[in-house]
């Protein structure tokens, strides 16, 4: 499985959008300060959104699509599934990721179609 995900900081002032094939390890790296320089600099240590994909290319394309959107559209996407912008990593388990993967429907790569 592959993931597109969004991290933010406590103030929600910065958003980090990326993709990975190991969500648990990547989140741990961000929280430990050994992730990207951007997340270290801006303190993006809270997982607020993620989607599961069958291929690396799909996750990559979705991440790039989200990076191109205005911040307001990304914020709306986060709020649709995580209204309080809580840290999903605090309660994330492999069972939850597996359950989301089972519910997985291939998303359209058009953001406007998903709103």
PDB file of N, CA and C in Angstrom:
ATOM      1  N   UNK A   1       0.836  -1.184   0.000  1.00  0.00           N
ATOM      2  CA  UNK A   1       0.000   0.000   0.000  1.00  0.00           C
ATOM      3  C   UNK A   1       0.879   1.244   0.000  1.00  0.00           C
ATOM      4  N   UNK A   2       0.315   2.291  -0.565  1.00  0.00           N
ATOM      5  CA  UNK A   2       1.000   3.575  -0.641  1.00  0.00           C
ATOM      6  C   UNK A   2       0.061   4.642  -0.106  1.00  0.00           C
ATOM      7  N   UNK A   3       0.628   5.715   0.396  1.00  0.00           N
ATOM      8  CA  UNK A   3      -0.159   6.727   1.088  1.00  0.00           C
ATOM      9  C   UNK A   3       0.189   8.122   0.611  1.00  0.00           C
ATOM     10  N   UNK A   4      -0.816   8.954   0.504  1.00  0.00           N
ATOM     11  CA  UNK A   4      -0.666  10.392   0.370  1.00  0.00           C
ATOM     12  C   UNK A   4      -1.091  10.925   1.733  1.00  0.00           C
ATOM     13  N   UNK A   5      -0.319  11.861   2.297  1.00  0.00           N
ATOM     14  CA  UNK A   5      -0.639  12.309   3.651  1.00  0.00           C
ATOM     15  C   UNK A   5      -0.332  13.785   3.830  1.00  0.00           C
ATOM     16  N   UNK A   6      -0.952  14.351   4.877  1.00  0.00           N
ATOM     17  CA  UNK A   6      -0.749  15.763   5.204  1.00  0.00           C
ATOM     18  C   UNK A   6      -0.396  15.874   6.687  1.00  0.00           C
ATOM     19  N   UNK A   7       0.679  16.604   6.942  1.00  0.00           N
ATOM     20  CA  UNK A   7       1.109  16.906   8.307  1.00  0.00           C
ATOM     21  C   UNK A   7       0.921  18.414   8.527  1.00  0.00           C
ATOM     22  N   UNK A   8       0.726  18.810   9.783  1.00  0.00           N
ATOM     23  CA  UNK A   8       0.673  20.230  10.138  1.00  0.00           C
ATOM     24  C   UNK A   8       1.332  20.424  11.494  1.00  0.00           C
ATOM     25  N   UNK A   9       1.441  21.680  11.910  1.00  0.00           N
ATOM     26  CA  UNK A   9       1.998  21.991  13.231  1.00  0.00           C
ATOM     27  C   UNK A   9       0.870  22.369  14.185  1.00  0.00           C
ATOM     28  N   UNK A  10       1.223  22.630  15.427  1.00  0.00           N
ATOM     29  CA  UNK A  10       0.204  22.921  16.435  1.00  0.00           C
ATOM     30  C   UNK A  10      -0.648  24.129  16.048  1.00  0.00           C
ATOM     31  N   UNK A  11      -0.042  25.145  15.474  1.00  0.00           N
ATOM     32  CA  UNK A  11      -0.766  26.366  15.093  1.00  0.00           C
ATOM     33  C   UNK A  11      -1.519  26.227  13.771  1.00  0.00           C
ATOM     34  N   UNK A  12      -1.334  25.097  13.097  1.00  0.00           N
ATOM     35  CA  UNK A  12      -1.935  24.861  11.776  1.00  0.00           C
ATOM     36  C   UNK A  12      -1.487  25.903  10.746  1.00  0.00           C
ATOM     37  N   UNK A  13      -0.328  26.485  10.949  1.00  0.00           N
ATOM     38  CA  UNK A  13       0.155  27.536  10.056  1.00  0.00           C
ATOM     39  C   UNK A  13       0.915  26.995   8.852  1.00  0.00           C
ATOM     40  N   UNK A  14       1.350  25.741   8.918  1.00  0.00           N
ATOM     41  CA  UNK A  14       2.074  25.130   7.807  1.00  0.00           C
ATOM     42  C   UNK A  14       1.484  23.763   7.492  1.00  0.00           C
ATOM     43  N   UNK A  15       1.449  23.449   6.216  1.00  0.00           N
ATOM     44  CA  UNK A  15       0.985  22.140   5.771  1.00  0.00           C
ATOM     45  C   UNK A  15       2.102  21.470   4.979  1.00  0.00           C
ATOM     46  N   UNK A  16       2.323  20.195   5.249  1.00  0.00           N
ATOM     47  CA  UNK A  16       3.316  19.406   4.529  1.00  0.00           C
ATOM     48  C   UNK A  16       2.579  18.261   3.863  1.00  0.00           C
ATOM     49  N   UNK A  17       2.650  18.190   2.545  1.00  0.00           N
ATOM     50  CA  UNK A  17       1.932  17.177   1.772  1.00  0.00           C
ATOM     51  C   UNK A  17       2.954  16.301   1.068  1.00  0.00           C
ATOM     52  N   UNK A  18       2.840  14.990   1.264  1.00  0.00           N
ATOM     53  CA  UNK A  18       3.808  14.073   0.666  1.00  0.00           C
ATOM     54  C   UNK A  18       3.183  12.701   0.481  1.00  0.00           C
ATOM     55  N   UNK A  19       3.970  11.758  -0.002  1.00  0.00           N
ATOM     56  CA  UNK A  19       3.531  10.369  -0.173  1.00  0.00           C
ATOM     57  C   UNK A  19       4.612   9.446   0.358  1.00  0.00           C
ATOM     58  N   UNK A  20       4.202   8.229   0.727  1.00  0.00           N
ATOM     59  CA  UNK A  20       5.139   7.248   1.272  1.00  0.00           C
ATOM     60  C   UNK A  20       4.580   5.848   1.084  1.00  0.00           C
ATOM     61  N   UNK A  21       5.447   4.865   1.257  1.00  0.00           N
ATOM     62  CA  UNK A  21       4.989   3.477   1.256  1.00  0.00           C
ATOM     63  C   UNK A  21       5.031   2.896   2.668  1.00  0.00           C
ATOM     64  N   UNK A  22       5.437   3.700   3.652  1.00  0.00           N
ATOM     65  CA  UNK A  22       5.509   3.250   5.047  1.00  0.00           C
ATOM     66  C   UNK A  22       5.036   4.385   5.945  1.00  0.00           C
ATOM     67  N   UNK A  23       3.731   4.499   6.111  1.00  0.00           N
ATOM     68  CA  UNK A  23       3.153   5.619   6.842  1.00  0.00           C
ATOM     69  C   UNK A  23       3.625   5.655   8.293  1.00  0.00           C
ATOM     70  N   UNK A  24       3.650   4.513   8.985  1.00  0.00           N
ATOM     71  CA  UNK A  24       4.076   4.493  10.387  1.00  0.00           C
ATOM     72  C   UNK A  24       5.484   5.049  10.544  1.00  0.00           C
ATOM     73  N   UNK A  25       6.418   4.533   9.754  1.00  0.00           N
ATOM     74  CA  UNK A  25       7.808   4.965   9.867  1.00  0.00           C
ATOM     75  C   UNK A  25       7.974   6.428   9.488  1.00  0.00           C
ATOM     76  N   UNK A  26       7.301   6.863   8.451  1.00  0.00           N
ATOM     77  CA  UNK A  26       7.448   8.247   7.998  1.00  0.00           C
ATOM     78  C   UNK A  26       6.917   9.221   9.029  1.00  0.00           C
ATOM     79  N   UNK A  27       5.791   8.907   9.652  1.00  0.00           N
ATOM     80  CA  UNK A  27       5.240   9.775  10.692  1.00  0.00           C
ATOM     81  C   UNK A  27       6.203   9.834  11.873  1.00  0.00           C
ATOM     82  N   UNK A  28       6.733   8.670  12.256  1.00  0.00           N
ATOM     83  CA  UNK A  28       7.706   8.630  13.351  1.00  0.00           C
ATOM     84  C   UNK A  28       8.905   9.513  13.028  1.00  0.00           C
ATOM     85  N   UNK A  29       9.400   9.450  11.796  1.00  0.00           N
ATOM     86  CA  UNK A  29      10.537  10.280  11.399  1.00  0.00           C
ATOM     87  C   UNK A  29      10.218  11.767  11.548  1.00  0.00           C
ATOM     88  N   UNK A  30       9.034  12.169  11.084  1.00  0.00           N
ATOM     89  CA  UNK A  30       8.643  13.580  11.223  1.00  0.00           C
ATOM     90  C   UNK A  30       8.569  13.970  12.700  1.00  0.00           C
ATOM     91  N   UNK A  31       7.964  13.141  13.522  1.00  0.00           N
ATOM     92  CA  UNK A  31       7.806  13.468  14.931  1.00  0.00           C
ATOM     93  C   UNK A  31       9.133  13.445  15.686  1.00  0.00           C
ATOM     94  N   UNK A  32      10.079  12.637  15.235  1.00  0.00           N
ATOM     95  CA  UNK A  32      11.395  12.558  15.864  1.00  0.00           C
ATOM     96  C   UNK A  32      12.343  13.640  15.350  1.00  0.00           C
ATOM     97  N   UNK A  33      11.896  14.410  14.364  1.00  0.00           N
ATOM     98  CA  UNK A  33      12.727  15.475  13.827  1.00  0.00           C
ATOM     99  C   UNK A  33      13.759  15.012  12.820  1.00  0.00           C
ATOM    100  N   UNK A  34      13.587  13.799  12.302  1.00  0.00           N
ATOM    101  CA  UNK A  34      14.524  13.301  11.296  1.00  0.00           C
ATOM    102  C   UNK A  34      13.836  13.135   9.942  1.00  0.00           C
ATOM    103  N   UNK A  35      12.656  13.705   9.827  1.00  0.00           N
ATOM    104  CA  UNK A  35      11.949  13.704   8.549  1.00  0.00           C
ATOM    105  C   UNK A  35      12.533  14.783   7.666  1.00  0.00           C
ATOM    106  N   UNK A  36      11.737  15.413   6.898  1.00  0.00           N
ATOM    107  CA  UNK A  36      12.214  16.444   5.970  1.00  0.00           C
ATOM    108  C   UNK A  36      12.655  17.699   6.722  1.00  0.00           C
ATOM    109  N   UNK A  37      13.483  18.487   6.072  1.00  0.00           N
ATOM    110  CA  UNK A  37      13.928  19.762   6.649  1.00  0.00           C
ATOM    111  C   UNK A  37      12.735  20.692   6.857  1.00  0.00           C
ATOM    112  N   UNK A  38      11.758  20.651   5.954  1.00  0.00           N
ATOM    113  CA  UNK A  38      10.572  21.497   6.079  1.00  0.00           C
ATOM    114  C   UNK A  38       9.818  21.177   7.370  1.00  0.00           C
ATOM    115  N   UNK A  39       9.571  19.887   7.639  1.00  0.00           N
ATOM    116  CA  UNK A  39       8.805  19.541   8.838  1.00  0.00           C
ATOM    117  C   UNK A  39       9.583  19.870  10.104  1.00  0.00           C
ATOM    118  N   UNK A  40      10.899  19.753  10.070  1.00  0.00           N
ATOM    119  CA  UNK A  40      11.723  20.149  11.227  1.00  0.00           C
ATOM    120  C   UNK A  40      11.638  21.654  11.447  1.00  0.00           C
ATOM    121  N   UNK A  41      11.781  22.416  10.379  1.00  0.00           N
ATOM    122  CA  UNK A  41      11.784  23.878  10.478  1.00  0.00           C
ATOM    123  C   UNK A  41      10.453  24.416  10.978  1.00  0.00           C
ATOM    124  N   UNK A  42       9.353  23.875  10.466  1.00  0.00           N
ATOM    125  CA  UNK A  42       8.028  24.406  10.789  1.00  0.00           C
ATOM    126  C   UNK A  42       7.264  23.581  11.816  1.00  0.00           C
ATOM    127  N   UNK A  43       7.889  22.556  12.356  1.00  0.00           N
ATOM    128  CA  UNK A  43       7.273  21.773  13.429  1.00  0.00           C
ATOM    129  C   UNK A  43       6.065  20.962  13.008  1.00  0.00           C
ATOM    130  N   UNK A  44       6.028  20.530  11.768  1.00  0.00           N
ATOM    131  CA  UNK A  44       4.893  19.733  11.278  1.00  0.00           C
ATOM    132  C   UNK A  44       5.030  18.307  11.797  1.00  0.00           C
ATOM    133  N   UNK A  45       4.370  18.042  12.914  1.00  0.00           N
ATOM    134  CA  UNK A  45       4.487  16.732  13.551  1.00  0.00           C
ATOM    135  C   UNK A  45       3.129  16.078  13.821  1.00  0.00           C
ATOM    136  N   UNK A  46       2.082  16.621  13.216  1.00  0.00           N
ATOM    137  CA  UNK A  46       0.735  16.084  13.411  1.00  0.00           C
ATOM    138  C   UNK A  46       0.166  15.597  12.081  1.00  0.00           C
ATOM    139  N   UNK A  47      -0.192  14.328  12.053  1.00  0.00           N
ATOM    140  CA  UNK A  47      -0.842  13.746  10.878  1.00  0.00           C
ATOM    141  C   UNK A  47      -2.316  14.125  10.933  1.00  0.00           C
ATOM    142  N   UNK A  48      -2.791  14.868   9.928  1.00  0.00           N
ATOM    143  CA  UNK A  48      -4.186  15.305   9.951  1.00  0.00           C
ATOM    144  C   UNK A  48      -5.021  14.712   8.825  1.00  0.00           C
ATOM    145  N   UNK A  49      -4.372  14.041   7.864  1.00  0.00           N
ATOM    146  CA  UNK A  49      -5.115  13.466   6.743  1.00  0.00           C
ATOM    147  C   UNK A  49      -4.235  12.461   6.023  1.00  0.00           C
ATOM    148  N   UNK A  50      -4.854  11.387   5.514  1.00  0.00           N
ATOM    149  CA  UNK A  50      -4.147  10.461   4.639  1.00  0.00           C
ATOM    150  C   UNK A  50      -5.133   9.681   3.801  1.00  0.00           C
ATOM    151  N   UNK A  51      -4.658   9.193   2.663  1.00  0.00           N
ATOM    152  CA  UNK A  51      -5.430   8.308   1.799  1.00  0.00           C
ATOM    153  C   UNK A  51      -4.534   7.141   1.411  1.00  0.00           C
ATOM    154  N   UNK A  52      -5.157   6.013   1.133  1.00  0.00           N
ATOM    155  CA  UNK A  52      -4.444   4.791   0.763  1.00  0.00           C
ATOM    156  C   UNK A  52      -4.592   4.563  -0.740  1.00  0.00           C
ATOM    157  N   UNK A  53      -3.503   4.154  -1.365  1.00  0.00           N
ATOM    158  CA  UNK A  53      -3.491   3.891  -2.809  1.00  0.00           C
ATOM    159  C   UNK A  53      -2.860   2.536  -3.097  1.00  0.00           C
ATOM    160  N   UNK A  54      -3.213   2.001  -4.235  1.00  0.00           N
ATOM    161  CA  UNK A  54      -2.671   0.716  -4.639  1.00  0.00           C
ATOM    162  C   UNK A  54      -1.292   0.828  -5.265  1.00  0.00           C
ATOM    163  N   UNK A  55      -0.964   1.983  -5.820  1.00  0.00           N
ATOM    164  CA  UNK A  55       0.327   2.122  -6.484  1.00  0.00           C
ATOM    165  C   UNK A  55       1.040   3.397  -6.033  1.00  0.00           C
ATOM    166  N   UNK A  56       2.356   3.368  -6.126  1.00  0.00           N
ATOM    167  CA  UNK A  56       3.174   4.532  -5.795  1.00  0.00           C
ATOM    168  C   UNK A  56       2.813   5.715  -6.701  1.00  0.00           C
ATOM    169  N   UNK A  57       2.564   5.431  -7.971  1.00  0.00           N
ATOM    170  CA  UNK A  57       2.237   6.495  -8.916  1.00  0.00           C
ATOM    171  C   UNK A  57       0.953   7.216  -8.515  1.00  0.00           C
ATOM    172  N   UNK A  58      -0.072   6.477  -8.106  1.00  0.00           N
ATOM    173  CA  UNK A  58      -1.332   7.107  -7.687  1.00  0.00           C
ATOM    174  C   UNK A  58      -1.106   8.011  -6.473  1.00  0.00           C
ATOM    175  N   UNK A  59      -0.356   7.531  -5.497  1.00  0.00           N
ATOM    176  CA  UNK A  59      -0.078   8.331  -4.305  1.00  0.00           C
ATOM    177  C   UNK A  59       0.737   9.566  -4.673  1.00  0.00           C
ATOM    178  N   UNK A  60       1.711   9.405  -5.537  1.00  0.00           N
ATOM    179  CA  UNK A  60       2.539  10.516  -5.991  1.00  0.00           C
ATOM    180  C   UNK A  60       1.686  11.569  -6.709  1.00  0.00           C
ATOM    181  N   UNK A  61       0.841  11.114  -7.628  1.00  0.00           N
ATOM    182  CA  UNK A  61       0.002  12.045  -8.381  1.00  0.00           C
ATOM    183  C   UNK A  61      -0.962  12.796  -7.470  1.00  0.00           C
ATOM    184  N   UNK A  62      -1.535  12.100  -6.506  1.00  0.00           N
ATOM    185  CA  UNK A  62      -2.467  12.744  -5.573  1.00  0.00           C
ATOM    186  C   UNK A  62      -1.735  13.786  -4.726  1.00  0.00           C
ATOM    187  N   UNK A  63      -0.558  13.445  -4.255  1.00  0.00           N
ATOM    188  CA  UNK A  63       0.213  14.404  -3.460  1.00  0.00           C
ATOM    189  C   UNK A  63       0.543  15.649  -4.267  1.00  0.00           C
ATOM    190  N   UNK A  64       0.964  15.470  -5.496  1.00  0.00           N
ATOM    191  CA  UNK A  64       1.293  16.621  -6.347  1.00  0.00           C
ATOM    192  C   UNK A  64       0.051  17.451  -6.651  1.00  0.00           C
ATOM    193  N   UNK A  65      -1.073  16.780  -6.833  1.00  0.00           N
ATOM    194  CA  UNK A  65      -2.329  17.498  -7.068  1.00  0.00           C
ATOM    195  C   UNK A  65      -2.673  18.359  -5.856  1.00  0.00           C
ATOM    196  N   UNK A  66      -2.565  17.798  -4.666  1.00  0.00           N
ATOM    197  CA  UNK A  66      -2.886  18.544  -3.451  1.00  0.00           C
ATOM    198  C   UNK A  66      -1.919  19.704  -3.241  1.00  0.00           C
ATOM    199  N   UNK A  67      -0.651  19.495  -3.564  1.00  0.00           N
ATOM    200  CA  UNK A  67       0.338  20.568  -3.411  1.00  0.00           C
ATOM    201  C   UNK A  67       0.037  21.756  -4.314  1.00  0.00           C
ATOM    202  N   UNK A  68      -0.630  21.511  -5.423  1.00  0.00           N
ATOM    203  CA  UNK A  68      -0.945  22.582  -6.369  1.00  0.00           C
ATOM    204  C   UNK A  68      -2.208  23.353  -6.000  1.00  0.00           C
ATOM    205  N   UNK A  69      -2.985  22.823  -5.063  1.00  0.00           N
ATOM    206  CA  UNK A  69      -4.247  23.470  -4.694  1.00  0.00           C
ATOM    207  C   UNK A  69      -4.022  24.656  -3.764  1.00  0.00           C
ATOM    208  N   UNK A  70      -4.953  25.612  -3.777  1.00  0.00           N
ATOM    209  CA  UNK A  70      -4.899  26.683  -2.775  1.00  0.00           C
ATOM    210  C   UNK A  70      -5.055  26.095  -1.372  1.00  0.00           C
ATOM    211  N   UNK A  71      -4.444  26.724  -0.409  1.00  0.00           N
ATOM    212  CA  UNK A  71      -4.482  26.246   0.976  1.00  0.00           C
ATOM    213  C   UNK A  71      -5.925  26.032   1.463  1.00  0.00           C
ATOM    214  N   UNK A  72      -6.832  26.911   1.070  1.00  0.00           N
ATOM    215  CA  UNK A  72      -8.223  26.816   1.517  1.00  0.00           C
ATOM    216  C   UNK A  72      -8.854  25.497   1.072  1.00  0.00           C
ATOM    217  N   UNK A  73      -8.540  25.048  -0.126  1.00  0.00           N
ATOM    218  CA  UNK A  73      -9.086  23.788  -0.624  1.00  0.00           C
ATOM    219  C   UNK A  73      -8.508  22.597   0.144  1.00  0.00           C
ATOM    220  N   UNK A  74      -7.225  22.662   0.468  1.00  0.00           N
ATOM    221  CA  UNK A  74      -6.602  21.585   1.242  1.00  0.00           C
ATOM    222  C   UNK A  74      -7.195  21.568   2.649  1.00  0.00           C
ATOM    223  N   UNK A  75      -7.386  22.745   3.230  1.00  0.00           N
ATOM    224  CA  UNK A  75      -7.985  22.829   4.569  1.00  0.00           C
ATOM    225  C   UNK A  75      -9.397  22.251   4.567  1.00  0.00           C
ATOM    226  N   UNK A  76     -10.152  22.510   3.515  1.00  0.00           N
ATOM    227  CA  UNK A  76     -11.505  21.957   3.412  1.00  0.00           C
ATOM    228  C   UNK A  76     -11.461  20.437   3.337  1.00  0.00           C
ATOM    229  N   UNK A  77     -10.524  19.906   2.576  1.00  0.00           N
ATOM    230  CA  UNK A  77     -10.370  18.453   2.465  1.00  0.00           C
ATOM    231  C   UNK A  77     -10.066  17.832   3.824  1.00  0.00           C
ATOM    232  N   UNK A  78      -9.159  18.437   4.565  1.00  0.00           N
ATOM    233  CA  UNK A  78      -8.817  17.928   5.900  1.00  0.00           C
ATOM    234  C   UNK A  78     -10.045  17.970   6.798  1.00  0.00           C
ATOM    235  N   UNK A  79     -10.737  19.096   6.805  1.00  0.00           N
ATOM    236  CA  UNK A  79     -11.894  19.273   7.692  1.00  0.00           C
ATOM    237  C   UNK A  79     -13.038  18.316   7.390  1.00  0.00           C
ATOM    238  N   UNK A  80     -13.152  17.854   6.151  1.00  0.00           N
ATOM    239  CA  UNK A  80     -14.221  16.920   5.806  1.00  0.00           C
ATOM    240  C   UNK A  80     -14.089  15.594   6.550  1.00  0.00           C
ATOM    241  N   UNK A  81     -12.871  15.150   6.796  1.00  0.00           N
ATOM    242  CA  UNK A  81     -12.691  13.868   7.478  1.00  0.00           C
ATOM    243  C   UNK A  81     -12.121  14.014   8.882  1.00  0.00           C
ATOM    244  N   UNK A  82     -11.626  15.194   9.223  1.00  0.00           N
ATOM    245  CA  UNK A  82     -10.992  15.416  10.523  1.00  0.00           C
ATOM    246  C   UNK A  82     -11.299  16.850  10.944  1.00  0.00           C
ATOM    247  N   UNK A  83     -12.537  17.082  11.334  1.00  0.00           N
ATOM    248  CA  UNK A  83     -13.033  18.438  11.598  1.00  0.00           C
ATOM    249  C   UNK A  83     -12.201  19.203  12.618  1.00  0.00           C
ATOM    250  N   UNK A  84     -11.684  18.528  13.614  1.00  0.00           N
ATOM    251  CA  UNK A  84     -10.897  19.191  14.658  1.00  0.00           C
ATOM    252  C   UNK A  84      -9.410  19.256  14.325  1.00  0.00           C
ATOM    253  N   UNK A  85      -9.025  18.685  13.193  1.00  0.00           N
ATOM    254  CA  UNK A  85      -7.617  18.619  12.793  1.00  0.00           C
ATOM    255  C   UNK A  85      -6.782  17.933  13.876  1.00  0.00           C
ATOM    256  N   UNK A  86      -7.370  16.889  14.484  1.00  0.00           N
ATOM    257  CA  UNK A  86      -6.650  16.146  15.507  1.00  0.00           C
ATOM    258  C   UNK A  86      -5.519  15.330  14.906  1.00  0.00           C
ATOM    259  N   UNK A  87      -4.558  14.977  15.743  1.00  0.00           N
ATOM    260  CA  UNK A  87      -3.418  14.175  15.302  1.00  0.00           C
ATOM    261  C   UNK A  87      -3.856  12.726  15.143  1.00  0.00           C
ATOM    262  N   UNK A  88      -3.998  12.285  13.909  1.00  0.00           N
ATOM    263  CA  UNK A  88      -4.459  10.930  13.626  1.00  0.00           C
ATOM    264  C   UNK A  88      -3.426   9.879  13.998  1.00  0.00           C
ATOM    265  N   UNK A  89      -2.169  10.275  14.080  1.00  0.00           N
ATOM    266  CA  UNK A  89      -1.128   9.292  14.401  1.00  0.00           C
ATOM    267  C   UNK A  89      -1.256   8.789  15.827  1.00  0.00           C
ATOM    268  N   UNK A  90      -1.882   9.570  16.705  1.00  0.00           N
ATOM    269  CA  UNK A  90      -2.024   9.172  18.103  1.00  0.00           C
ATOM    270  C   UNK A  90      -2.868   7.919  18.254  1.00  0.00           C
ATOM    271  N   UNK A  91      -3.806   7.699  17.352  1.00  0.00           N
ATOM    272  CA  UNK A  91      -4.682   6.537  17.460  1.00  0.00           C
ATOM    273  C   UNK A  91      -4.592   5.616  16.247  1.00  0.00           C
ATOM    274  N   UNK A  92      -3.670   5.907  15.361  1.00  0.00           N
ATOM    275  CA  UNK A  92      -3.545   5.130  14.135  1.00  0.00           C
ATOM    276  C   UNK A  92      -2.929   3.767  14.415  1.00  0.00           C
ATOM    277  N   UNK A  93      -3.566   2.740  13.894  1.00  0.00           N
ATOM    278  CA  UNK A  93      -3.036   1.385  14.036  1.00  0.00           C
ATOM    279  C   UNK A  93      -3.020   0.717  12.674  1.00  0.00           C
ATOM    280  N   UNK A  94      -2.306  -0.349  12.571  1.00  0.00           N
ATOM    281  CA  UNK A  94      -2.259  -1.065  11.296  1.00  0.00           C
ATOM    282  C   UNK A  94      -3.652  -1.564  10.922  1.00  0.00           C
ATOM    283  N   UNK A  95      -4.487  -1.893  11.912  1.00  0.00           N
ATOM    284  CA  UNK A  95      -5.846  -2.339  11.630  1.00  0.00           C
ATOM    285  C   UNK A  95      -6.671  -1.223  10.996  1.00  0.00           C
ATOM    286  N   UNK A  96      -6.479   0.012  11.474  1.00  0.00           N
ATOM    287  CA  UNK A  96      -7.215   1.142  10.914  1.00  0.00           C
ATOM    288  C   UNK A  96      -6.792   1.407   9.481  1.00  0.00           C
ATOM    289  N   UNK A  97      -5.498   1.337   9.220  1.00  0.00           N
ATOM    290  CA  UNK A  97      -5.015   1.541   7.858  1.00  0.00           C
ATOM    291  C   UNK A  97      -5.555   0.448   6.950  1.00  0.00           C
ATOM    292  N   UNK A  98      -5.539  -0.793   7.439  1.00  0.00           N
ATOM    293  CA  UNK A  98      -6.052  -1.908   6.650  1.00  0.00           C
ATOM    294  C   UNK A  98      -7.537  -1.720   6.365  1.00  0.00           C
ATOM    295  N   UNK A  99      -8.301  -1.277   7.370  1.00  0.00           N
ATOM    296  CA  UNK A  99      -9.740  -1.054   7.181  1.00  0.00           C
ATOM    297  C   UNK A  99      -9.978   0.040   6.143  1.00  0.00           C
ATOM    298  N   UNK A 100      -9.181   1.102   6.182  1.00  0.00           N
ATOM    299  CA  UNK A 100      -9.352   2.152   5.184  1.00  0.00           C
ATOM    300  C   UNK A 100      -8.994   1.621   3.803  1.00  0.00           C
ATOM    301  N   UNK A 101      -7.976   0.801   3.729  1.00  0.00           N
ATOM    302  CA  UNK A 101      -7.595   0.227   2.431  1.00  0.00           C
ATOM    303  C   UNK A 101      -8.719  -0.640   1.874  1.00  0.00           C
ATOM    304  N   UNK A 102      -9.437  -1.352   2.735  1.00  0.00           N
ATOM    305  CA  UNK A 102     -10.543  -2.177   2.274  1.00  0.00           C
ATOM    306  C   UNK A 102     -11.688  -1.326   1.748  1.00  0.00           C
ATOM    307  N   UNK A 103     -11.860  -0.131   2.310  1.00  0.00           N
ATOM    308  CA  UNK A 103     -12.916   0.785   1.851  1.00  0.00           C
ATOM    309  C   UNK A 103     -12.460   1.574   0.637  1.00  0.00           C
ATOM    310  N   UNK A 104     -11.210   1.416   0.288  1.00  0.00           N
ATOM    311  CA  UNK A 104     -10.582   2.190  -0.780  1.00  0.00           C
ATOM    312  C   UNK A 104     -11.377   2.097  -2.073  1.00  0.00           C
ATOM    313  N   UNK A 105     -11.671   3.253  -2.608  1.00  0.00           N
ATOM    314  CA  UNK A 105     -12.226   3.360  -3.953  1.00  0.00           C
ATOM    315  C   UNK A 105     -11.274   4.256  -4.705  1.00  0.00           C
ATOM    316  N   UNK A 106     -10.938   3.873  -5.886  1.00  0.00           N
ATOM    317  CA  UNK A 106      -9.976   4.658  -6.657  1.00  0.00           C
ATOM    318  C   UNK A 106     -10.492   6.082  -6.798  1.00  0.00           C
ATOM    319  N   UNK A 107      -9.792   7.056  -6.196  1.00  0.00           N
ATOM    320  CA  UNK A 107     -10.274   8.440  -6.256  1.00  0.00           C
ATOM    321  C   UNK A 107     -10.045   9.051  -7.622  1.00  0.00           C
ATOM    322  N   UNK A 108     -10.941   9.924  -7.972  1.00  0.00           N
ATOM    323  CA  UNK A 108     -10.731  10.714  -9.177  1.00  0.00           C
ATOM    324  C   UNK A 108      -9.595  11.682  -8.876  1.00  0.00           C
ATOM    325  N   UNK A 109      -8.802  11.973  -9.833  1.00  0.00           N
ATOM    326  CA  UNK A 109      -7.684  12.882  -9.594  1.00  0.00           C
ATOM    327  C   UNK A 109      -8.091  14.339  -9.774  1.00  0.00           C
ATOM    328  N   UNK A 110      -9.382  14.583  -9.826  1.00  0.00           N
ATOM    329  CA  UNK A 110      -9.879  15.946  -9.888  1.00  0.00           C
ATOM    330  C   UNK A 110     -10.433  16.306  -8.530  1.00  0.00           C
ATOM    331  N   UNK A 111      -9.801  17.275  -7.866  1.00  0.00           N
ATOM    332  CA  UNK A 111     -10.215  17.657  -6.518  1.00  0.00           C
ATOM    333  C   UNK A 111     -11.653  18.141  -6.491  1.00  0.00           C
ATOM    334  N   UNK A 112     -12.062  18.894  -7.485  1.00  0.00           N
ATOM    335  CA  UNK A 112     -13.410  19.443  -7.485  1.00  0.00           C
ATOM    336  C   UNK A 112     -14.474  18.340  -7.506  1.00  0.00           C
ATOM    337  N   UNK A 113     -14.143  17.184  -8.067  1.00  0.00           N
ATOM    338  CA  UNK A 113     -15.089  16.081  -8.100  1.00  0.00           C
ATOM    339  C   UNK A 113     -15.222  15.411  -6.744  1.00  0.00           C
ATOM    340  N   UNK A 114     -14.272  15.650  -5.838  1.00  0.00           N
ATOM    341  CA  UNK A 114     -14.267  15.000  -4.536  1.00  0.00           C
ATOM    342  C   UNK A 114     -14.949  15.844  -3.460  1.00  0.00           C
ATOM    343  N   UNK A 115     -15.229  17.094  -3.734  1.00  0.00           N
ATOM    344  CA  UNK A 115     -15.807  17.984  -2.714  1.00  0.00           C
ATOM    345  C   UNK A 115     -17.270  17.699  -2.541  1.00  0.00           C
TER     346      UNK A 115
END
